[in-house]
Amino acid sequence: MFCPECGSTDKEMVGDICIDCFLKDFQMIEIPKRIEVQICSHCNSKLEEGKWSEENIPEEEIIYRALERNIKIADEVENEIINLEIDQMRGTIANCFVEVVGEVHGTQIEETHDSEVKILKTVCPTCSKLQAGYYEAVIQLRADKREIKSEEYSKADEIVERTLIKQSKSDKLAYCPQIAKLKEGYDYYIGSLKSARKVVEALKEEFGGTIKESPRLISEDKSTGKGLYRIWISIRIPEFETDDFVKYEGKIIQIKGIDKNRVVGEDILTNKKQNIPMKNIEDIQLVKKASEIETTSIISKSPKMIQILDPSDYSAVDLEMKDEFMDCNIGDEIKLIKIDDYIYLLN
């Protein structure tokens, strides 16, 4: 066969023409002369195929990815090596150089192309929400039948901040645009519901209590007709605190610890440890605060009895001797709590 373009009869044929004539007009790759890329001016995320990436990508890397994404390689090319280079930056325009080395029908060839990538700065939806103070949930920190102490507020603030910093590694809306300091408690406005739930879990881990979610309709999505909701999450911490005295199943128990799953205490009559599931919190009755613990003196003792002064009227009270008070001496001070007119001595 001979090539109709050059008349050669001794060369490899590609279709109806020889390899040399085929390669003369052949292009290994196609790449647009101008590529436009939208990136967020705040977080450097990139818009691709209608979706914003969540990555904070350096601008140089965005340019290289844009070039790679827009290169089309011909089917005949094998073992290709593509080198990309940013030749010059002019403001938001990158002049780029593309070099290709590959094999086509057993022949190695090289070609070069010029392209420019224009960076279009805009604001992604997430950053737009951040700027507007957007929030999906409100955490309401409350206490049952008491005021929250200043140190509890400080601890809660620390937990909210620490949890959101941790969440921000995977959730850009893990932030708190507003804290409403109300008489009944604090309201923490949280950017995303997912992170708000993590914050509530951390608060319950510290304070215990109960959690309740309440969705509220705020508007309607005009494009879908569906309601748009925000979630109010109430965490109500217990009325009792560590060292307070509660009644549970007929026992008087001093609180030793509180976490998200249980209340740990000690029966002050038997000194036995008590674990109360947090789900039974409504059955726990506060009877005395730790601040109501009193101090008195031992005025007499025997192997079976210990006599103290009732601090309310200074009358002598005889109580059964317990092992833990055997080493006490007359005149020693001892702590007590009076509940339902009964005096309990405390270790």
Foldseek 3Di string as FASTA:
>chain_A
DAAPVPRDDPAPDDPRHGPVVCVVPDDFKDADQEAEWEAEPPQRWTADPNDTDPDSDDPVVVVVVRRVVRIDGDPQWDPKDKDKDFPDDDPQKTWIKIKMWTDGPRDIDIDIDIHMYGYDYDHDPLVVCVVVQAFQEKEWEAAPPDADDPVLVVVLVVLLVVLLVVVCVPDVQSDFSDWDQDRGTIITGGHDPVSVVVSLQSSQQAQAADKDKDWDFDAADPVPRHTRIGIYMYGYGYPADQQFWKAAPNFIWGFHDHGHFWTWTARLVVRDIDTGGSVCRVRIGGFGHNVQKDKWFWADDDPFWTWIADVVPRDIDIDGDDPVCPPPDGGDMWIWHAGPNDIGTGD
